[in-house]
Amino acid sequence: MADYAAQCDETVETLLRYSREDWKVVKKSSDVTIACQHIPGHTERAYRGVGIVDAPPAQVLHYVIPSNDMPRKQWDTTTKEWKEIERIDENISVVQSVTRAAMAGFIKGRDFVDLVCSKRLDDGTHVCTGLTNKKFT
């Protein structure tokens, strides 16, 4: 069996390392800043949005983490459905998601299997990530 907790810890550490590096602001409004940075060793860029939400972290995560019984369906129109394949513990699950076609069919609907992790750090920060294309055994 894959060590999902170790994969989550490794990804959180990588995200924290990236978060300390310079980000290029690509869009800014009065409420939200969107920034990107190149991921070393990859052709992709990482994007992040920063804003203030007047709610406790647990409530925000309730609206963000994908699950059929979560309110994310109310705002995420790109995803057609989610199916929790396996619940590892209260912070880690394996989730299949099916996306809708986008850009008039230019981007076809796709299936993903994600390792979804949420972790509360010692300083009170919450990190939530979905690891796609991980090897699940």
C-alpha atoms as a PDB file:
ATOM      1  CA  MET A   1       0.000   0.000   0.000  1.00  0.00           C
ATOM      2  CA  ALA A   2       1.245   3.487  -0.828  1.00  0.00           C
ATOM      3  CA  ASP A   3       2.305   5.713   2.051  1.00  0.00           C
ATOM      4  CA  TYR A   4      -0.303   8.427   1.515  1.00  0.00           C
ATOM      5  CA  ALA A   5       0.626  10.346   4.677  1.00  0.00           C
ATOM      6  CA  ALA A   6       4.253  10.584   3.525  1.00  0.00           C
ATOM      7  CA  GLN A   7       3.133  11.778   0.059  1.00  0.00           C
ATOM      8  CA  CYS A   8       0.969  14.455   1.692  1.00  0.00           C
ATOM      9  CA  ASP A   9       3.758  15.578   4.039  1.00  0.00           C
ATOM     10  CA  GLU A  10       6.206  15.783   1.124  1.00  0.00           C
ATOM     11  CA  THR A  11       3.782  17.879  -0.919  1.00  0.00           C
ATOM     12  CA  VAL A  12       2.999  20.219   1.976  1.00  0.00           C
ATOM     13  CA  GLU A  13       6.733  20.776   2.544  1.00  0.00           C
ATOM     14  CA  THR A  14       7.196  21.509  -1.171  1.00  0.00           C
ATOM     15  CA  LEU A  15       4.279  23.964  -1.155  1.00  0.00           C
ATOM     16  CA  LEU A  16       5.665  25.712   1.915  1.00  0.00           C
ATOM     17  CA  ARG A  17       9.080  25.981   0.265  1.00  0.00           C
ATOM     18  CA  TYR A  18       7.469  27.482  -2.862  1.00  0.00           C
ATOM     19  CA  SER A  19       5.414  29.866  -0.726  1.00  0.00           C
ATOM     20  CA  ARG A  20       8.595  31.475   0.607  1.00  0.00           C
ATOM     21  CA  GLU A  21       9.927  32.194  -2.899  1.00  0.00           C
ATOM     22  CA  ASP A  22       9.157  35.171  -5.128  1.00  0.00           C
ATOM     23  CA  TRP A  23       5.819  35.190  -6.907  1.00  0.00           C
ATOM     24  CA  LYS A  24       4.924  37.321  -9.928  1.00  0.00           C
ATOM     25  CA  VAL A  25       1.584  39.083  -9.476  1.00  0.00           C
ATOM     26  CA  VAL A  26      -0.569  38.501 -12.573  1.00  0.00           C
ATOM     27  CA  LYS A  27      -3.841  40.056 -11.372  1.00  0.00           C
ATOM     28  CA  LYS A  28      -4.848  42.120  -8.397  1.00  0.00           C
ATOM     29  CA  SER A  29      -8.165  43.472  -7.190  1.00  0.00           C
ATOM     30  CA  SER A  30      -9.111  45.103  -3.928  1.00  0.00           C
ATOM     31  CA  ASP A  31      -9.896  41.683  -2.422  1.00  0.00           C
ATOM     32  CA  VAL A  32      -7.736  39.070  -4.157  1.00  0.00           C
ATOM     33  CA  THR A  33      -4.208  38.806  -5.544  1.00  0.00           C
ATOM     34  CA  ILE A  34      -3.360  36.116  -8.128  1.00  0.00           C
ATOM     35  CA  ALA A  35       0.314  35.300  -8.585  1.00  0.00           C
ATOM     36  CA  CYS A  36       2.378  32.662 -10.369  1.00  0.00           C
ATOM     37  CA  GLN A  37       5.862  31.207 -10.350  1.00  0.00           C
ATOM     38  CA  HIS A  38       7.794  28.715 -12.421  1.00  0.00           C
ATOM     39  CA  ILE A  39       8.131  25.269 -10.859  1.00  0.00           C
ATOM     40  CA  PRO A  40      11.792  24.188 -11.040  1.00  0.00           C
ATOM     41  CA  GLY A  41      12.232  21.115 -13.238  1.00  0.00           C
ATOM     42  CA  HIS A  42       8.780  21.478 -14.844  1.00  0.00           C
ATOM     43  CA  THR A  43       7.281  23.403 -17.735  1.00  0.00           C
ATOM     44  CA  GLU A  44       4.194  24.286 -15.669  1.00  0.00           C
ATOM     45  CA  ARG A  45       3.642  27.292 -13.476  1.00  0.00           C
ATOM     46  CA  ALA A  46       2.125  27.259 -10.018  1.00  0.00           C
ATOM     47  CA  TYR A  47      -0.675  29.735  -9.340  1.00  0.00           C
ATOM     48  CA  ARG A  48      -1.984  30.958  -6.028  1.00  0.00           C
ATOM     49  CA  GLY A  49      -4.759  33.229  -4.951  1.00  0.00           C
ATOM     50  CA  VAL A  50      -4.501  35.235  -1.758  1.00  0.00           C
ATOM     51  CA  GLY A  51      -7.392  36.945  -0.042  1.00  0.00           C
ATOM     52  CA  ILE A  52      -9.093  37.291   3.302  1.00  0.00           C
ATOM     53  CA  VAL A  53     -12.159  35.194   4.039  1.00  0.00           C
ATOM     54  CA  ASP A  54     -14.185  36.123   7.101  1.00  0.00           C
ATOM     55  CA  ALA A  55     -14.635  32.553   8.345  1.00  0.00           C
ATOM     56  CA  PRO A  56     -12.723  29.989  10.401  1.00  0.00           C
ATOM     57  CA  PRO A  57     -10.360  27.716   8.385  1.00  0.00           C
ATOM     58  CA  ALA A  58     -12.492  24.609   9.012  1.00  0.00           C
ATOM     59  CA  GLN A  59     -15.513  26.308   7.432  1.00  0.00           C
ATOM     60  CA  VAL A  60     -13.490  27.438   4.402  1.00  0.00           C
ATOM     61  CA  LEU A  61     -12.083  23.928   3.921  1.00  0.00           C
ATOM     62  CA  HIS A  62     -15.638  22.565   4.088  1.00  0.00           C
ATOM     63  CA  TYR A  63     -16.377  24.593   0.922  1.00  0.00           C
ATOM     64  CA  VAL A  64     -13.096  23.742  -0.852  1.00  0.00           C
ATOM     65  CA  ILE A  65     -12.338  20.053  -0.299  1.00  0.00           C
ATOM     66  CA  PRO A  66     -14.017  17.921  -3.004  1.00  0.00           C
ATOM     67  CA  SER A  67     -16.673  15.491  -1.879  1.00  0.00           C
ATOM     68  CA  ASN A  68     -20.205  14.621  -2.968  1.00  0.00           C
ATOM     69  CA  ASP A  69     -21.661  15.773   0.350  1.00  0.00           C
ATOM     70  CA  MET A  70     -19.774  19.093   0.524  1.00  0.00           C
ATOM     71  CA  PRO A  71     -21.118  22.463  -0.666  1.00  0.00           C
ATOM     72  CA  ARG A  72     -18.361  22.815  -3.289  1.00  0.00           C
ATOM     73  CA  LYS A  73     -20.935  21.752  -5.888  1.00  0.00           C
ATOM     74  CA  GLN A  74     -22.689  25.090  -5.307  1.00  0.00           C
ATOM     75  CA  TRP A  75     -19.795  27.101  -6.785  1.00  0.00           C
ATOM     76  CA  ASP A  76     -17.489  24.730  -8.723  1.00  0.00           C
ATOM     77  CA  THR A  77     -19.111  24.493 -12.149  1.00  0.00           C
ATOM     78  CA  THR A  78     -16.063  22.871 -13.782  1.00  0.00           C
ATOM     79  CA  THR A  79     -16.456  19.572 -11.946  1.00  0.00           C
ATOM     80  CA  LYS A  80     -19.329  17.286 -12.858  1.00  0.00           C
ATOM     81  CA  GLU A  81     -18.972  14.825  -9.976  1.00  0.00           C
ATOM     82  CA  TRP A  82     -16.741  13.530  -7.192  1.00  0.00           C
ATOM     83  CA  LYS A  83     -16.495  10.091  -5.712  1.00  0.00           C
ATOM     84  CA  GLU A  84     -14.516   9.322  -2.595  1.00  0.00           C
ATOM     85  CA  ILE A  85     -12.707   6.093  -3.398  1.00  0.00           C
ATOM     86  CA  GLU A  86     -10.995   5.689  -0.042  1.00  0.00           C
ATOM     87  CA  ARG A  87     -10.902   7.608   3.243  1.00  0.00           C
ATOM     88  CA  ILE A  88      -7.398   7.213   4.698  1.00  0.00           C
ATOM     89  CA  ASP A  89      -7.977   9.351   7.804  1.00  0.00           C
ATOM     90  CA  GLU A  90      -9.785  12.571   8.714  1.00  0.00           C
ATOM     91  CA  ASN A  91      -7.306  14.637   6.643  1.00  0.00           C
ATOM     92  CA  ILE A  92      -6.487  12.352   3.703  1.00  0.00           C
ATOM     93  CA  SER A  93      -8.716  10.766   1.065  1.00  0.00           C
ATOM     94  CA  VAL A  94      -8.483   9.405  -2.458  1.00  0.00           C
ATOM     95  CA  VAL A  95     -11.074  11.116  -4.664  1.00  0.00           C
ATOM     96  CA  GLN A  96     -12.082  10.594  -8.289  1.00  0.00           C
ATOM     97  CA  SER A  97     -13.317  13.732 -10.029  1.00  0.00           C
ATOM     98  CA  VAL A  98     -14.906  14.108 -13.441  1.00  0.00           C
ATOM     99  CA  THR A  99     -14.629  17.520 -15.096  1.00  0.00           C
ATOM    100  CA  ARG A 100     -16.942  19.058 -17.673  1.00  0.00           C
ATOM    101  CA  ALA A 101     -15.805  20.097 -21.130  1.00  0.00           C
ATOM    102  CA  ALA A 102     -14.679  23.732 -21.298  1.00  0.00           C
ATOM    103  CA  MET A 103     -13.973  26.441 -23.869  1.00  0.00           C
ATOM    104  CA  ALA A 104     -16.657  25.238 -26.283  1.00  0.00           C
ATOM    105  CA  GLY A 105     -15.274  21.697 -26.164  1.00  0.00           C
ATOM    106  CA  PHE A 106     -11.666  22.716 -26.827  1.00  0.00           C
ATOM    107  CA  ILE A 107     -10.829  21.222 -23.424  1.00  0.00           C
ATOM    108  CA  LYS A 108     -12.558  17.880 -23.116  1.00  0.00           C
ATOM    109  CA  GLY A 109     -14.051  16.561 -19.894  1.00  0.00           C
ATOM    110  CA  ARG A 110     -11.539  14.434 -17.998  1.00  0.00           C
ATOM    111  CA  ASP A 111     -11.233  12.013 -15.085  1.00  0.00           C
ATOM    112  CA  PHE A 112      -8.739  12.545 -12.280  1.00  0.00           C
ATOM    113  CA  VAL A 113      -7.837  10.499  -9.236  1.00  0.00           C
ATOM    114  CA  ASP A 114      -6.477  12.803  -6.557  1.00  0.00           C
ATOM    115  CA  LEU A 115      -4.962  12.295  -3.159  1.00  0.00           C
ATOM    116  CA  VAL A 116      -6.649  15.099  -1.215  1.00  0.00           C
ATOM    117  CA  CYS A 117      -4.820  16.312   1.874  1.00  0.00           C
ATOM    118  CA  SER A 118      -5.504  18.963   4.431  1.00  0.00           C
ATOM    119  CA  LYS A 119      -3.091  19.714   7.211  1.00  0.00           C
ATOM    120  CA  ARG A 120      -3.071  22.196  10.083  1.00  0.00           C
ATOM    121  CA  LEU A 121       0.426  23.466  10.797  1.00  0.00           C
ATOM    122  CA  ASP A 122       1.783  24.377  14.225  1.00  0.00           C
ATOM    123  CA  ASP A 123       1.352  28.109  13.504  1.00  0.00           C
ATOM    124  CA  GLY A 124      -2.383  27.622  12.768  1.00  0.00           C
ATOM    125  CA  THR A 125      -1.966  27.801   8.994  1.00  0.00           C
ATOM    126  CA  HIS A 126      -4.083  25.328   7.019  1.00  0.00           C
ATOM    127  CA  VAL A 127      -2.747  23.749   3.837  1.00  0.00           C
ATOM    128  CA  CYS A 128      -5.064  21.889   1.468  1.00  0.00           C
ATOM    129  CA  THR A 129      -3.912  20.236  -1.717  1.00  0.00           C
ATOM    130  CA  GLY A 130      -4.941  17.654  -4.270  1.00  0.00           C
ATOM    131  CA  LEU A 131      -2.148  15.505  -5.653  1.00  0.00           C
ATOM    132  CA  THR A 132      -3.002  14.393  -9.170  1.00  0.00           C
ATOM    133  CA  ASN A 133      -1.146  11.700 -11.090  1.00  0.00           C
ATOM    134  CA  LYS A 134       0.244  10.054  -7.999  1.00  0.00           C
ATOM    135  CA  LYS A 135       0.725   6.308  -8.113  1.00  0.00           C
ATOM    136  CA  PHE A 136      -2.099   4.644  -6.213  1.00  0.00           C
ATOM    137  CA  THR A 137      -1.691   0.988  -5.327  1.00  0.00           C
END
